[in-house]
Amino acid sequence: MEPQRGESLGAVRPIPVATFGILTALLLSACTIERADVRTPSGESPEADTTRVRQTIEAIGTAFETGRVAELDSIFHDSVLVFEFGRVERGWVAYRDGHLLPETRALSDRSLEFRTIDVHIVRSTAWATVRYTLSGRSESGRVGVEGLGTLILRRLAGRWQLVHVHLSSRPPASNSRQE
């Protein structure tokens, strides 16, 4: 028979203080994780993976500046999806051949600098929000943009690879707001 509203369920025995203290200590120790004990799926500290993701993103800028686009073959996943300049590029070969190679051929004195890179990692997926500047010299003179982006990387075969890129840009403004 179910108790009715306002009825007593019977006598409740108090938990001894010592038992309560032991249960509390066990519960708190189970909920406390020392930062040094946290490991990624690779067995390394989170800082090691964050550093690797940041280095992977910075390597994009270096490869673009030096014109060594082939170095990006190991950074961009074959089926990467890229949203840039209001267009969608599906796959690394399409993006490389239809966008990056023509751009590196058209620009000399290239620079791609990631000014901020904020990395977040959950298991084998990382996403980074970035602020970047891109500049170079074309036949018509100096060109440049500043922009924001979101990059999604997956840890595949032991290395971080870009699987999704979304970049937006505008001409640089000397007094642009920082958000």
N, C-alpha and C. Protein backbone atom coordinates (compact mmCIF):
# COMPACT_ATOMS: atom_id res chain seq x y z
N MET A 1 0.84 -1.18 0.00
CA MET A 1 0.00 0.00 0.00
C MET A 1 0.88 1.23 0.00
N GLU A 2 0.59 2.18 -0.91
CA GLU A 2 1.37 3.42 -1.03
C GLU A 2 1.00 4.37 0.10
N PRO A 3 1.98 5.04 0.67
CA PRO A 3 1.65 6.04 1.68
C PRO A 3 0.92 7.22 1.05
N GLN A 4 -0.02 7.77 1.78
CA GLN A 4 -0.77 8.93 1.33
C GLN A 4 0.01 10.18 1.69
N ARG A 5 -0.31 11.26 1.01
CA ARG A 5 0.35 12.54 1.25
C ARG A 5 0.26 12.89 2.72
N GLY A 6 1.39 13.22 3.30
CA GLY A 6 1.43 13.61 4.71
C GLY A 6 1.66 12.46 5.64
N GLU A 7 1.57 11.21 5.17
CA GLU A 7 1.80 10.05 6.03
C GLU A 7 3.29 9.80 6.18
N SER A 8 3.66 9.27 7.30
CA SER A 8 5.04 8.92 7.57
C SER A 8 5.38 7.60 6.91
N LEU A 9 6.60 7.47 6.42
CA LEU A 9 7.06 6.22 5.82
C LEU A 9 7.61 5.29 6.88
N GLY A 10 7.59 5.70 8.07
CA GLY A 10 8.15 4.88 9.13
C GLY A 10 9.41 5.53 9.66
N ALA A 11 10.00 4.88 10.61
CA ALA A 11 11.19 5.42 11.25
C ALA A 11 12.39 5.29 10.31
N VAL A 12 13.15 6.35 10.21
CA VAL A 12 14.39 6.34 9.43
C VAL A 12 15.54 6.32 10.41
N ARG A 13 16.41 5.31 10.24
CA ARG A 13 17.54 5.20 11.15
C ARG A 13 18.62 6.16 10.73
N PRO A 14 19.21 6.87 11.66
CA PRO A 14 20.30 7.79 11.31
C PRO A 14 21.56 7.01 10.93
N ILE A 15 22.34 7.58 10.02
CA ILE A 15 23.61 6.98 9.63
C ILE A 15 24.65 7.38 10.66
N PRO A 16 25.42 6.42 11.17
CA PRO A 16 26.45 6.78 12.13
C PRO A 16 27.42 7.79 11.53
N VAL A 17 27.92 8.69 12.34
CA VAL A 17 28.81 9.76 11.90
C VAL A 17 30.04 9.20 11.21
N ALA A 18 30.63 8.14 11.72
CA ALA A 18 31.83 7.56 11.11
C ALA A 18 31.52 7.04 9.71
N THR A 19 30.37 6.39 9.54
CA THR A 19 29.99 5.87 8.22
C THR A 19 29.77 7.03 7.25
N PHE A 20 29.11 8.07 7.72
CA PHE A 20 28.86 9.24 6.90
C PHE A 20 30.18 9.88 6.46
N GLY A 21 31.13 9.98 7.37
CA GLY A 21 32.43 10.56 7.05
C GLY A 21 33.18 9.74 6.02
N ILE A 22 33.14 8.42 6.14
CA ILE A 22 33.84 7.54 5.20
C ILE A 22 33.18 7.64 3.82
N LEU A 23 31.85 7.61 3.77
CA LEU A 23 31.15 7.73 2.49
C LEU A 23 31.44 9.07 1.81
N THR A 24 31.46 10.13 2.59
CA THR A 24 31.76 11.46 2.04
C THR A 24 33.17 11.50 1.48
N ALA A 25 34.14 10.96 2.22
CA ALA A 25 35.53 10.95 1.75
C ALA A 25 35.68 10.14 0.46
N LEU A 26 35.02 8.99 0.40
CA LEU A 26 35.09 8.17 -0.81
C LEU A 26 34.46 8.89 -2.01
N LEU A 27 33.33 9.52 -1.78
CA LEU A 27 32.65 10.24 -2.85
C LEU A 27 33.51 11.40 -3.35
N LEU A 28 34.07 12.18 -2.44
CA LEU A 28 34.91 13.30 -2.84
C LEU A 28 36.17 12.84 -3.55
N SER A 29 36.78 11.77 -3.08
CA SER A 29 38.00 11.30 -3.74
C SER A 29 37.70 10.77 -5.13
N ALA A 30 36.53 10.20 -5.33
CA ALA A 30 36.16 9.69 -6.65
C ALA A 30 35.88 10.84 -7.61
N CYS A 31 35.42 11.97 -7.10
CA CYS A 31 35.08 13.11 -7.95
C CYS A 31 36.27 14.02 -8.21
N THR A 32 37.33 13.88 -7.47
CA THR A 32 38.49 14.74 -7.63
C THR A 32 39.48 14.09 -8.58
N ILE A 33 39.81 14.80 -9.64
CA ILE A 33 40.79 14.30 -10.59
C ILE A 33 41.95 15.29 -10.60
N GLU A 34 43.09 14.79 -10.33
CA GLU A 34 44.27 15.63 -10.41
C GLU A 34 44.59 15.89 -11.86
N ARG A 35 44.92 17.12 -12.20
CA ARG A 35 45.21 17.47 -13.59
C ARG A 35 46.32 16.59 -14.16
N ALA A 36 47.30 16.24 -13.37
CA ALA A 36 48.41 15.43 -13.85
C ALA A 36 47.96 14.02 -14.24
N ASP A 37 46.82 13.58 -13.72
CA ASP A 37 46.34 12.23 -14.02
C ASP A 37 45.49 12.17 -15.28
N VAL A 38 45.12 13.32 -15.85
CA VAL A 38 44.28 13.33 -17.03
C VAL A 38 45.15 13.00 -18.24
N ARG A 39 44.68 12.08 -19.04
CA ARG A 39 45.42 11.68 -20.24
C ARG A 39 44.48 11.64 -21.43
N THR A 40 45.02 11.89 -22.58
CA THR A 40 44.25 11.81 -23.82
C THR A 40 44.22 10.36 -24.27
N PRO A 41 43.43 10.03 -25.29
CA PRO A 41 43.43 8.65 -25.79
C PRO A 41 44.82 8.17 -26.22
N SER A 42 45.69 9.11 -26.60
CA SER A 42 47.05 8.72 -27.00
C SER A 42 47.93 8.44 -25.78
N GLY A 43 47.42 8.72 -24.58
CA GLY A 43 48.18 8.49 -23.36
C GLY A 43 49.02 9.67 -22.94
N GLU A 44 48.91 10.78 -23.65
CA GLU A 44 49.69 11.97 -23.33
C GLU A 44 48.84 12.97 -22.57
N SER A 45 49.49 13.99 -22.06
CA SER A 45 48.75 15.04 -21.36
C SER A 45 47.94 15.85 -22.38
N PRO A 46 46.86 16.49 -21.93
CA PRO A 46 46.07 17.32 -22.85
C PRO A 46 46.90 18.43 -23.48
N GLU A 47 47.86 18.95 -22.75
CA GLU A 47 48.71 20.02 -23.28
C GLU A 47 49.51 19.55 -24.49
N ALA A 48 49.93 18.29 -24.51
CA ALA A 48 50.70 17.76 -25.64
C ALA A 48 49.85 17.75 -26.91
N ASP A 49 48.60 17.30 -26.80
CA ASP A 49 47.72 17.31 -27.97
C ASP A 49 47.36 18.72 -28.39
N THR A 50 47.14 19.61 -27.43
CA THR A 50 46.84 21.00 -27.75
C THR A 50 48.00 21.62 -28.51
N THR A 51 49.21 21.35 -28.07
CA THR A 51 50.40 21.86 -28.75
C THR A 51 50.49 21.30 -30.16
N ARG A 52 50.22 20.01 -30.33
CA ARG A 52 50.28 19.40 -31.67
C ARG A 52 49.24 20.00 -32.61
N VAL A 53 48.03 20.23 -32.11
CA VAL A 53 46.99 20.85 -32.94
C VAL A 53 47.43 22.25 -33.34
N ARG A 54 47.93 23.02 -32.39
CA ARG A 54 48.40 24.38 -32.69
C ARG A 54 49.54 24.35 -33.72
N GLN A 55 50.48 23.42 -33.58
CA GLN A 55 51.59 23.30 -34.53
C GLN A 55 51.09 22.89 -35.92
N THR A 56 50.08 22.04 -35.96
CA THR A 56 49.50 21.63 -37.24
C THR A 56 48.90 22.84 -37.96
N ILE A 57 48.18 23.67 -37.22
CA ILE A 57 47.57 24.86 -37.82
C ILE A 57 48.65 25.85 -38.26
N GLU A 58 49.66 26.05 -37.45
CA GLU A 58 50.74 26.96 -37.83
C GLU A 58 51.50 26.45 -39.05
N ALA A 59 51.59 25.14 -39.22
CA ALA A 59 52.27 24.57 -40.39
C ALA A 59 51.54 24.93 -41.68
N ILE A 60 50.24 25.16 -41.62
CA ILE A 60 49.49 25.58 -42.80
C ILE A 60 50.02 26.93 -43.28
N GLY A 61 50.20 27.85 -42.34
CA GLY A 61 50.73 29.17 -42.69
C GLY A 61 52.12 29.09 -43.29
N THR A 62 52.98 28.27 -42.70
CA THR A 62 54.35 28.12 -43.19
C THR A 62 54.35 27.54 -44.60
N ALA A 63 53.56 26.50 -44.85
CA ALA A 63 53.51 25.88 -46.18
C ALA A 63 52.97 26.87 -47.22
N PHE A 64 51.97 27.65 -46.84
CA PHE A 64 51.41 28.64 -47.77
C PHE A 64 52.46 29.71 -48.10
N GLU A 65 53.13 30.21 -47.08
CA GLU A 65 54.12 31.28 -47.28
C GLU A 65 55.27 30.82 -48.16
N THR A 66 55.72 29.60 -47.97
CA THR A 66 56.87 29.09 -48.72
C THR A 66 56.47 28.49 -50.07
N GLY A 67 55.16 28.34 -50.31
CA GLY A 67 54.69 27.76 -51.56
C GLY A 67 54.82 26.25 -51.62
N ARG A 68 55.13 25.62 -50.49
CA ARG A 68 55.26 24.16 -50.45
C ARG A 68 53.90 23.53 -50.09
N VAL A 69 52.96 23.68 -51.00
CA VAL A 69 51.59 23.22 -50.78
C VAL A 69 51.54 21.71 -50.58
N ALA A 70 52.46 20.96 -51.19
CA ALA A 70 52.47 19.50 -51.05
C ALA A 70 52.63 19.08 -49.58
N GLU A 71 53.23 19.93 -48.77
CA GLU A 71 53.37 19.62 -47.34
C GLU A 71 52.01 19.54 -46.64
N LEU A 72 51.01 20.14 -47.25
CA LEU A 72 49.68 20.14 -46.65
C LEU A 72 48.93 18.83 -46.91
N ASP A 73 49.46 17.98 -47.80
CA ASP A 73 48.79 16.71 -48.10
C ASP A 73 48.57 15.86 -46.85
N SER A 74 49.46 15.95 -45.88
CA SER A 74 49.31 15.15 -44.66
C SER A 74 48.49 15.88 -43.59
N ILE A 75 48.20 17.15 -43.80
CA ILE A 75 47.43 17.93 -42.82
C ILE A 75 45.94 17.92 -43.16
N PHE A 76 45.62 18.08 -44.44
CA PHE A 76 44.22 18.10 -44.87
C PHE A 76 43.77 16.68 -45.17
N HIS A 77 42.67 16.25 -44.58
CA HIS A 77 42.11 14.93 -44.86
C HIS A 77 41.60 14.91 -46.30
N ASP A 78 41.64 13.75 -46.93
CA ASP A 78 41.20 13.62 -48.33
C ASP A 78 39.79 14.16 -48.56
N SER A 79 38.91 13.98 -47.59
CA SER A 79 37.51 14.40 -47.76
C SER A 79 37.18 15.68 -46.99
N VAL A 80 38.19 16.54 -46.76
CA VAL A 80 37.96 17.79 -46.04
C VAL A 80 36.86 18.61 -46.72
N LEU A 81 36.09 19.31 -45.91
CA LEU A 81 35.05 20.20 -46.39
C LEU A 81 35.48 21.62 -46.03
N VAL A 82 35.60 22.50 -47.04
CA VAL A 82 36.12 23.85 -46.81
C VAL A 82 35.08 24.88 -47.25
N PHE A 83 34.71 25.77 -46.32
CA PHE A 83 33.87 26.92 -46.62
C PHE A 83 34.77 28.15 -46.56
N GLU A 84 34.92 28.81 -47.70
CA GLU A 84 35.81 29.97 -47.76
C GLU A 84 35.36 30.88 -48.91
N PHE A 85 35.37 32.17 -48.67
CA PHE A 85 35.01 33.16 -49.68
C PHE A 85 33.64 32.87 -50.30
N GLY A 86 32.70 32.40 -49.50
CA GLY A 86 31.35 32.14 -49.98
C GLY A 86 31.23 30.91 -50.87
N ARG A 87 32.26 30.09 -50.90
CA ARG A 87 32.24 28.88 -51.73
C ARG A 87 32.44 27.65 -50.86
N VAL A 88 32.06 26.52 -51.42
CA VAL A 88 32.27 25.24 -50.75
C VAL A 88 33.21 24.40 -51.61
N GLU A 89 34.27 23.91 -51.00
CA GLU A 89 35.19 23.00 -51.67
C GLU A 89 35.07 21.65 -50.98
N ARG A 90 34.80 20.61 -51.73
CA ARG A 90 34.65 19.27 -51.16
C ARG A 90 35.84 18.42 -51.54
N GLY A 91 36.67 18.12 -50.55
CA GLY A 91 37.83 17.27 -50.77
C GLY A 91 39.12 18.07 -50.90
N TRP A 92 40.20 17.45 -50.46
CA TRP A 92 41.50 18.11 -50.46
C TRP A 92 41.98 18.42 -51.87
N VAL A 93 41.86 17.50 -52.79
CA VAL A 93 42.37 17.74 -54.15
C VAL A 93 41.63 18.91 -54.79
N ALA A 94 40.31 18.98 -54.63
CA ALA A 94 39.53 20.09 -55.19
C ALA A 94 39.95 21.42 -54.57
N TYR A 95 40.15 21.44 -53.27
CA TYR A 95 40.55 22.68 -52.60
C TYR A 95 41.98 23.07 -52.98
N ARG A 96 42.86 22.10 -52.96
CA ARG A 96 44.27 22.38 -53.30
C ARG A 96 44.40 22.87 -54.73
N ASP A 97 43.84 22.11 -55.68
CA ASP A 97 44.03 22.43 -57.09
C ASP A 97 43.18 23.61 -57.56
N GLY A 98 42.00 23.78 -56.96
CA GLY A 98 41.11 24.85 -57.40
C GLY A 98 41.26 26.15 -56.64
N HIS A 99 41.97 26.11 -55.52
CA HIS A 99 42.06 27.33 -54.71
C HIS A 99 43.50 27.63 -54.28
N LEU A 100 44.10 26.72 -53.54
CA LEU A 100 45.42 27.02 -52.97
C LEU A 100 46.52 27.18 -54.01
N LEU A 101 46.62 26.24 -54.93
CA LEU A 101 47.69 26.34 -55.94
C LEU A 101 47.56 27.60 -56.80
N PRO A 102 46.37 27.92 -57.33
CA PRO A 102 46.25 29.17 -58.09
C PRO A 102 46.58 30.40 -57.24
N GLU A 103 46.19 30.38 -55.97
CA GLU A 103 46.46 31.52 -55.11
C GLU A 103 47.96 31.68 -54.85
N THR A 104 48.65 30.57 -54.60
CA THR A 104 50.10 30.68 -54.35
C THR A 104 50.83 31.10 -55.62
N ARG A 105 50.34 30.69 -56.79
CA ARG A 105 50.97 31.12 -58.05
C ARG A 105 50.73 32.60 -58.33
N ALA A 106 49.56 33.10 -57.93
CA ALA A 106 49.20 34.49 -58.21
C ALA A 106 49.81 35.48 -57.23
N LEU A 107 50.24 35.01 -56.08
CA LEU A 107 50.76 35.91 -55.05
C LEU A 107 52.24 35.66 -54.80
N SER A 108 52.99 36.72 -54.73
CA SER A 108 54.37 36.63 -54.26
C SER A 108 54.42 37.30 -52.89
N ASP A 109 55.51 37.12 -52.20
CA ASP A 109 55.68 37.74 -50.88
C ASP A 109 54.45 37.44 -50.00
N ARG A 110 54.08 36.15 -49.98
CA ARG A 110 52.88 35.71 -49.26
C ARG A 110 53.12 35.64 -47.76
N SER A 111 52.04 35.90 -47.01
CA SER A 111 52.07 35.73 -45.56
C SER A 111 50.70 35.25 -45.09
N LEU A 112 50.71 34.20 -44.31
CA LEU A 112 49.49 33.72 -43.65
C LEU A 112 49.85 33.52 -42.19
N GLU A 113 49.34 34.41 -41.37
CA GLU A 113 49.67 34.37 -39.95
C GLU A 113 48.41 34.12 -39.13
N PHE A 114 48.47 33.11 -38.29
CA PHE A 114 47.39 32.85 -37.35
C PHE A 114 47.72 33.62 -36.07
N ARG A 115 47.01 34.72 -35.85
CA ARG A 115 47.31 35.58 -34.69
C ARG A 115 46.84 34.98 -33.39
N THR A 116 45.69 34.32 -33.40
CA THR A 116 45.23 33.61 -32.21
C THR A 116 44.72 32.24 -32.64
N ILE A 117 44.99 31.27 -31.81
CA ILE A 117 44.52 29.90 -32.03
C ILE A 117 44.03 29.38 -30.69
N ASP A 118 42.72 29.22 -30.55
CA ASP A 118 42.13 28.69 -29.33
C ASP A 118 41.69 27.26 -29.61
N VAL A 119 42.32 26.30 -28.93
CA VAL A 119 42.12 24.89 -29.20
C VAL A 119 41.27 24.24 -28.11
N HIS A 120 40.36 23.39 -28.53
CA HIS A 120 39.52 22.59 -27.63
C HIS A 120 39.57 21.15 -28.14
N ILE A 121 39.74 20.21 -27.24
CA ILE A 121 39.85 18.80 -27.64
C ILE A 121 38.92 17.94 -26.82
N VAL A 122 38.20 17.07 -27.49
CA VAL A 122 37.41 16.03 -26.85
C VAL A 122 37.75 14.73 -27.56
N ARG A 123 38.36 13.84 -26.83
CA ARG A 123 38.81 12.55 -27.36
C ARG A 123 39.67 12.74 -28.60
N SER A 124 39.23 12.25 -29.75
CA SER A 124 40.05 12.34 -30.95
C SER A 124 39.58 13.44 -31.91
N THR A 125 38.80 14.39 -31.38
CA THR A 125 38.33 15.52 -32.19
C THR A 125 38.79 16.82 -31.54
N ALA A 126 39.31 17.71 -32.37
CA ALA A 126 39.72 19.03 -31.89
C ALA A 126 39.06 20.08 -32.76
N TRP A 127 38.73 21.19 -32.15
CA TRP A 127 38.28 22.33 -32.93
C TRP A 127 39.04 23.53 -32.43
N ALA A 128 39.34 24.41 -33.37
CA ALA A 128 40.10 25.61 -33.04
C ALA A 128 39.42 26.81 -33.68
N THR A 129 39.31 27.87 -32.91
CA THR A 129 38.87 29.13 -33.48
C THR A 129 40.14 29.95 -33.68
N VAL A 130 40.21 30.61 -34.82
CA VAL A 130 41.43 31.33 -35.17
C VAL A 130 41.10 32.73 -35.66
N ARG A 131 42.07 33.60 -35.49
CA ARG A 131 42.11 34.91 -36.14
C ARG A 131 43.35 34.88 -37.01
N TYR A 132 43.21 35.34 -38.24
CA TYR A 132 44.34 35.26 -39.14
C TYR A 132 44.45 36.50 -40.02
N THR A 133 45.63 36.70 -40.57
CA THR A 133 45.85 37.70 -41.60
C THR A 133 46.53 37.00 -42.76
N LEU A 134 46.12 37.38 -43.94
CA LEU A 134 46.70 36.83 -45.17
C LEU A 134 47.04 38.01 -46.07
N SER A 135 48.25 38.03 -46.59
CA SER A 135 48.63 39.12 -47.48
C SER A 135 49.60 38.60 -48.53
N GLY A 136 49.76 39.40 -49.57
CA GLY A 136 50.69 39.06 -50.63
C GLY A 136 50.70 40.15 -51.68
N ARG A 137 51.52 39.95 -52.68
CA ARG A 137 51.62 40.90 -53.77
C ARG A 137 51.17 40.21 -55.05
N SER A 138 50.21 40.82 -55.73
CA SER A 138 49.73 40.30 -57.01
C SER A 138 50.17 41.26 -58.11
N GLU A 139 49.80 40.97 -59.33
CA GLU A 139 50.13 41.86 -60.45
C GLU A 139 49.53 43.24 -60.26
N SER A 140 48.40 43.32 -59.57
CA SER A 140 47.74 44.61 -59.37
C SER A 140 48.19 45.33 -58.10
N GLY A 141 49.10 44.75 -57.33
CA GLY A 141 49.59 45.41 -56.13
C GLY A 141 49.41 44.55 -54.89
N ARG A 142 49.56 45.20 -53.76
CA ARG A 142 49.48 44.53 -52.46
C ARG A 142 48.02 44.18 -52.15
N VAL A 143 47.77 42.96 -51.71
CA VAL A 143 46.43 42.51 -51.31
C VAL A 143 46.51 41.92 -49.91
N GLY A 144 45.40 41.94 -49.21
CA GLY A 144 45.39 41.36 -47.88
C GLY A 144 44.00 41.30 -47.30
N VAL A 145 43.83 40.36 -46.39
CA VAL A 145 42.58 40.22 -45.65
C VAL A 145 42.91 39.85 -44.22
N GLU A 146 41.96 40.09 -43.36
CA GLU A 146 42.02 39.57 -41.99
C GLU A 146 40.74 38.78 -41.79
N GLY A 147 40.81 37.76 -40.96
CA GLY A 147 39.62 36.94 -40.84
C GLY A 147 39.54 36.11 -39.58
N LEU A 148 38.43 35.42 -39.50
CA LEU A 148 38.14 34.50 -38.41
C LEU A 148 37.88 33.13 -39.02
N GLY A 149 38.13 32.11 -38.25
CA GLY A 149 37.86 30.79 -38.77
C GLY A 149 37.63 29.77 -37.69
N THR A 150 37.02 28.68 -38.09
CA THR A 150 36.85 27.51 -37.24
C THR A 150 37.42 26.33 -38.00
N LEU A 151 38.31 25.61 -37.37
CA LEU A 151 38.95 24.44 -37.97
C LEU A 151 38.62 23.24 -37.10
N ILE A 152 38.19 22.16 -37.73
CA ILE A 152 37.91 20.92 -37.01
C ILE A 152 38.91 19.88 -37.48
N LEU A 153 39.57 19.25 -36.52
CA LEU A 153 40.58 18.25 -36.81
C LEU A 153 40.21 16.95 -36.13
N ARG A 154 40.63 15.84 -36.73
CA ARG A 154 40.46 14.52 -36.12
C ARG A 154 41.84 13.90 -35.99
N ARG A 155 42.04 13.17 -34.92
CA ARG A 155 43.28 12.43 -34.75
C ARG A 155 43.10 11.09 -35.46
N LEU A 156 43.75 10.95 -36.59
CA LEU A 156 43.63 9.76 -37.43
C LEU A 156 45.03 9.21 -37.70
N ALA A 157 45.20 7.94 -37.49
CA ALA A 157 46.49 7.28 -37.71
C ALA A 157 47.62 8.01 -36.98
N GLY A 158 47.31 8.48 -35.77
CA GLY A 158 48.33 9.08 -34.93
C GLY A 158 48.67 10.53 -35.22
N ARG A 159 47.96 11.18 -36.16
CA ARG A 159 48.25 12.59 -36.41
C ARG A 159 46.94 13.37 -36.57
N TRP A 160 47.02 14.67 -36.33
CA TRP A 160 45.85 15.53 -36.43
C TRP A 160 45.67 15.96 -37.88
N GLN A 161 44.46 15.76 -38.42
CA GLN A 161 44.15 16.14 -39.79
C GLN A 161 42.91 17.02 -39.83
N LEU A 162 42.93 18.01 -40.72
CA LEU A 162 41.78 18.88 -40.91
C LEU A 162 40.69 18.15 -41.66
N VAL A 163 39.48 18.16 -41.08
CA VAL A 163 38.34 17.54 -41.74
C VAL A 163 37.28 18.57 -42.13
N HIS A 164 37.35 19.76 -41.52
CA HIS A 164 36.39 20.82 -41.83
C HIS A 164 37.06 22.17 -41.56
N VAL A 165 36.88 23.09 -42.50
CA VAL A 165 37.44 24.43 -42.38
C VAL A 165 36.35 25.42 -42.76
N HIS A 166 36.17 26.44 -41.94
CA HIS A 166 35.25 27.53 -42.27
C HIS A 166 35.96 28.84 -41.97
N LEU A 167 36.24 29.60 -43.03
CA LEU A 167 36.96 30.87 -42.90
C LEU A 167 36.10 31.99 -43.44
N SER A 168 36.16 33.12 -42.78
CA SER A 168 35.53 34.33 -43.30
C SER A 168 36.54 35.46 -43.16
N SER A 169 36.51 36.38 -44.11
CA SER A 169 37.52 37.44 -44.09
C SER A 169 36.94 38.74 -44.62
N ARG A 170 37.72 39.79 -44.42
CA ARG A 170 37.40 41.12 -44.92
C ARG A 170 38.72 41.85 -45.14
N PRO A 171 38.68 42.93 -45.88
CA PRO A 171 39.91 43.71 -46.02
C PRO A 171 40.35 44.22 -44.65
N PRO A 172 41.64 44.28 -44.41
CA PRO A 172 42.10 44.73 -43.09
C PRO A 172 41.70 46.18 -42.84
N ALA A 173 41.28 46.43 -41.63
CA ALA A 173 40.94 47.78 -41.20
C ALA A 173 41.88 48.15 -40.07
N SER A 174 42.52 49.26 -40.19
CA SER A 174 43.52 49.65 -39.17
C SER A 174 42.89 49.84 -37.81
N ASN A 175 41.61 50.18 -37.76
CA ASN A 175 40.95 50.38 -36.47
C ASN A 175 39.81 49.38 -36.27
N SER A 176 39.97 48.15 -36.77
CA SER A 176 38.90 47.16 -36.62
C SER A 176 38.74 46.76 -35.17
N ARG A 177 37.48 46.45 -34.84
CA ARG A 177 37.18 46.02 -33.46
C ARG A 177 37.69 44.62 -33.23
N GLN A 178 38.18 44.34 -32.06
CA GLN A 178 38.53 42.99 -31.64
C GLN A 178 37.38 42.44 -30.84
N GLU A 179 36.80 41.33 -31.26
CA GLU A 179 35.66 40.75 -30.55
C GLU A 179 36.09 39.52 -29.81
